[in-house]
Amino acid sequence: MSGTEDKTKGTFHEIKGKAKEEVGRLTNSPELEIEGRDEKNAGKVRKKIGQIKKIFGK
């Protein structure tokens, strides 16, 4: 997977996770809120991996 793909997928998961987190908060669903927070953080990590790959040309 290229750095650009990682950044794109990371951004997607970050946005999706943020939405889940907000829905969980609004519906008083701690499980969904936690799931969203985890997905958002995983998206941030994947986005960083993409940036690093891009720097090193992978």
N, C-alpha and C. Protein backbone atom coordinates (compact mmCIF):
# COMPACT_ATOMS: atom_id res chain seq x y z
N MET A 1 0.85 -1.17 0.00
CA MET A 1 0.00 0.00 0.00
C MET A 1 0.90 1.23 0.00
N SER A 2 0.56 2.20 -0.83
CA SER A 2 1.38 3.40 -0.92
C SER A 2 1.05 4.37 0.21
N GLY A 3 1.92 5.34 0.38
CA GLY A 3 1.72 6.34 1.42
C GLY A 3 0.44 7.13 1.21
N THR A 4 0.13 7.42 -0.05
CA THR A 4 -1.08 8.18 -0.34
C THR A 4 -2.33 7.38 0.02
N GLU A 5 -2.30 6.09 -0.27
CA GLU A 5 -3.43 5.23 0.07
C GLU A 5 -3.62 5.15 1.59
N ASP A 6 -2.51 5.02 2.31
CA ASP A 6 -2.59 4.98 3.77
C ASP A 6 -3.16 6.28 4.32
N LYS A 7 -2.71 7.40 3.78
CA LYS A 7 -3.22 8.69 4.24
C LYS A 7 -4.72 8.82 3.97
N THR A 8 -5.14 8.39 2.78
CA THR A 8 -6.55 8.48 2.41
C THR A 8 -7.41 7.59 3.30
N LYS A 9 -6.99 6.35 3.47
CA LYS A 9 -7.76 5.43 4.32
C LYS A 9 -7.73 5.88 5.77
N GLY A 10 -6.61 6.42 6.21
CA GLY A 10 -6.52 6.93 7.57
C GLY A 10 -7.48 8.07 7.81
N THR A 11 -7.56 8.98 6.85
CA THR A 11 -8.50 10.11 6.95
C THR A 11 -9.94 9.60 6.99
N PHE A 12 -10.25 8.63 6.13
CA PHE A 12 -11.60 8.06 6.10
C PHE A 12 -11.98 7.47 7.46
N HIS A 13 -11.08 6.68 8.04
CA HIS A 13 -11.36 6.04 9.32
C HIS A 13 -11.42 7.07 10.45
N GLU A 14 -10.61 8.11 10.33
CA GLU A 14 -10.64 9.17 11.33
C GLU A 14 -12.01 9.87 11.33
N ILE A 15 -12.52 10.18 10.16
CA ILE A 15 -13.82 10.84 10.03
C ILE A 15 -14.95 9.90 10.47
N LYS A 16 -14.88 8.65 10.02
CA LYS A 16 -15.89 7.66 10.38
C LYS A 16 -15.91 7.44 11.90
N GLY A 17 -14.73 7.35 12.49
CA GLY A 17 -14.64 7.16 13.94
C GLY A 17 -15.19 8.35 14.70
N LYS A 18 -14.90 9.54 14.22
CA LYS A 18 -15.41 10.75 14.88
C LYS A 18 -16.93 10.77 14.83
N ALA A 19 -17.51 10.36 13.69
CA ALA A 19 -18.96 10.31 13.57
C ALA A 19 -19.55 9.30 14.54
N LYS A 20 -18.95 8.10 14.61
CA LYS A 20 -19.43 7.07 15.55
C LYS A 20 -19.34 7.56 16.99
N GLU A 21 -18.24 8.22 17.29
CA GLU A 21 -18.03 8.73 18.64
C GLU A 21 -19.14 9.74 19.00
N GLU A 22 -19.45 10.61 18.07
CA GLU A 22 -20.48 11.62 18.31
C GLU A 22 -21.87 10.99 18.43
N VAL A 23 -22.18 10.02 17.57
CA VAL A 23 -23.47 9.33 17.65
C VAL A 23 -23.59 8.59 18.98
N GLY A 24 -22.50 7.96 19.40
CA GLY A 24 -22.49 7.27 20.68
C GLY A 24 -22.74 8.22 21.84
N ARG A 25 -22.16 9.41 21.74
CA ARG A 25 -22.35 10.41 22.78
C ARG A 25 -23.81 10.89 22.80
N LEU A 26 -24.36 11.14 21.61
CA LEU A 26 -25.72 11.66 21.50
C LEU A 26 -26.78 10.63 21.90
N THR A 27 -26.50 9.36 21.65
CA THR A 27 -27.47 8.30 21.96
C THR A 27 -27.19 7.64 23.30
N ASN A 28 -26.23 8.18 24.01
CA ASN A 28 -25.85 7.64 25.32
C ASN A 28 -25.44 6.17 25.21
N SER A 29 -24.60 5.90 24.21
CA SER A 29 -24.10 4.54 23.99
C SER A 29 -22.58 4.55 24.18
N PRO A 30 -22.12 4.25 25.39
CA PRO A 30 -20.68 4.28 25.64
C PRO A 30 -19.88 3.32 24.75
N GLU A 31 -20.48 2.18 24.40
CA GLU A 31 -19.77 1.22 23.55
C GLU A 31 -19.49 1.81 22.17
N LEU A 32 -20.49 2.46 21.60
CA LEU A 32 -20.32 3.07 20.28
C LEU A 32 -19.35 4.24 20.36
N GLU A 33 -19.42 4.99 21.43
CA GLU A 33 -18.50 6.12 21.61
C GLU A 33 -17.05 5.62 21.69
N ILE A 34 -16.82 4.56 22.43
CA ILE A 34 -15.48 3.99 22.56
C ILE A 34 -15.01 3.41 21.23
N GLU A 35 -15.90 2.71 20.55
CA GLU A 35 -15.57 2.14 19.24
C GLU A 35 -15.16 3.25 18.27
N GLY A 36 -15.92 4.34 18.29
CA GLY A 36 -15.61 5.48 17.43
C GLY A 36 -14.28 6.11 17.77
N ARG A 37 -14.01 6.26 19.06
CA ARG A 37 -12.75 6.86 19.49
C ARG A 37 -11.58 5.98 19.06
N ASP A 38 -11.74 4.67 19.20
CA ASP A 38 -10.68 3.74 18.79
C ASP A 38 -10.43 3.82 17.28
N GLU A 39 -11.52 3.85 16.51
CA GLU A 39 -11.38 3.91 15.06
C GLU A 39 -10.75 5.23 14.63
N LYS A 40 -11.15 6.31 15.29
CA LYS A 40 -10.58 7.63 14.98
C LYS A 40 -9.08 7.64 15.24
N ASN A 41 -8.67 7.09 16.38
CA ASN A 41 -7.24 7.05 16.71
C ASN A 41 -6.47 6.14 15.76
N ALA A 42 -7.06 5.02 15.37
CA ALA A 42 -6.42 4.12 14.41
C ALA A 42 -6.25 4.83 13.06
N GLY A 43 -7.24 5.63 12.69
CA GLY A 43 -7.16 6.40 11.45
C GLY A 43 -6.03 7.41 11.50
N LYS A 44 -5.85 8.05 12.65
CA LYS A 44 -4.75 9.01 12.81
C LYS A 44 -3.40 8.32 12.64
N VAL A 45 -3.28 7.12 13.23
CA VAL A 45 -2.03 6.37 13.13
C VAL A 45 -1.77 5.99 11.68
N ARG A 46 -2.79 5.50 11.00
CA ARG A 46 -2.61 5.09 9.61
C ARG A 46 -2.23 6.28 8.73
N LYS A 47 -2.82 7.44 9.03
CA LYS A 47 -2.50 8.64 8.27
C LYS A 47 -1.02 9.01 8.47
N LYS A 48 -0.53 8.90 9.70
CA LYS A 48 0.88 9.18 9.99
C LYS A 48 1.79 8.20 9.26
N ILE A 49 1.39 6.93 9.23
CA ILE A 49 2.18 5.92 8.52
C ILE A 49 2.29 6.31 7.04
N GLY A 50 1.18 6.78 6.48
CA GLY A 50 1.20 7.22 5.09
C GLY A 50 2.14 8.39 4.87
N GLN A 51 2.15 9.32 5.81
CA GLN A 51 3.05 10.47 5.69
C GLN A 51 4.51 10.02 5.77
N ILE A 52 4.80 9.09 6.65
CA ILE A 52 6.17 8.58 6.79
C ILE A 52 6.59 7.84 5.53
N LYS A 53 5.69 7.00 5.00
CA LYS A 53 6.01 6.28 3.76
C LYS A 53 6.31 7.25 2.63
N LYS A 54 5.54 8.32 2.57
CA LYS A 54 5.73 9.29 1.50
C LYS A 54 7.11 9.96 1.61
N ILE A 55 7.52 10.24 2.85
CA ILE A 55 8.83 10.86 3.07
C ILE A 55 9.94 9.93 2.61
N PHE A 56 9.81 8.63 2.92
CA PHE A 56 10.85 7.68 2.56
C PHE A 56 10.65 7.08 1.17
N GLY A 57 9.64 7.54 0.46
CA GLY A 57 9.44 7.12 -0.91
C GLY A 57 8.95 5.71 -1.10
N LYS A 58 8.15 5.21 -0.17
CA LYS A 58 7.63 3.85 -0.30
C LYS A 58 6.21 3.89 -0.75
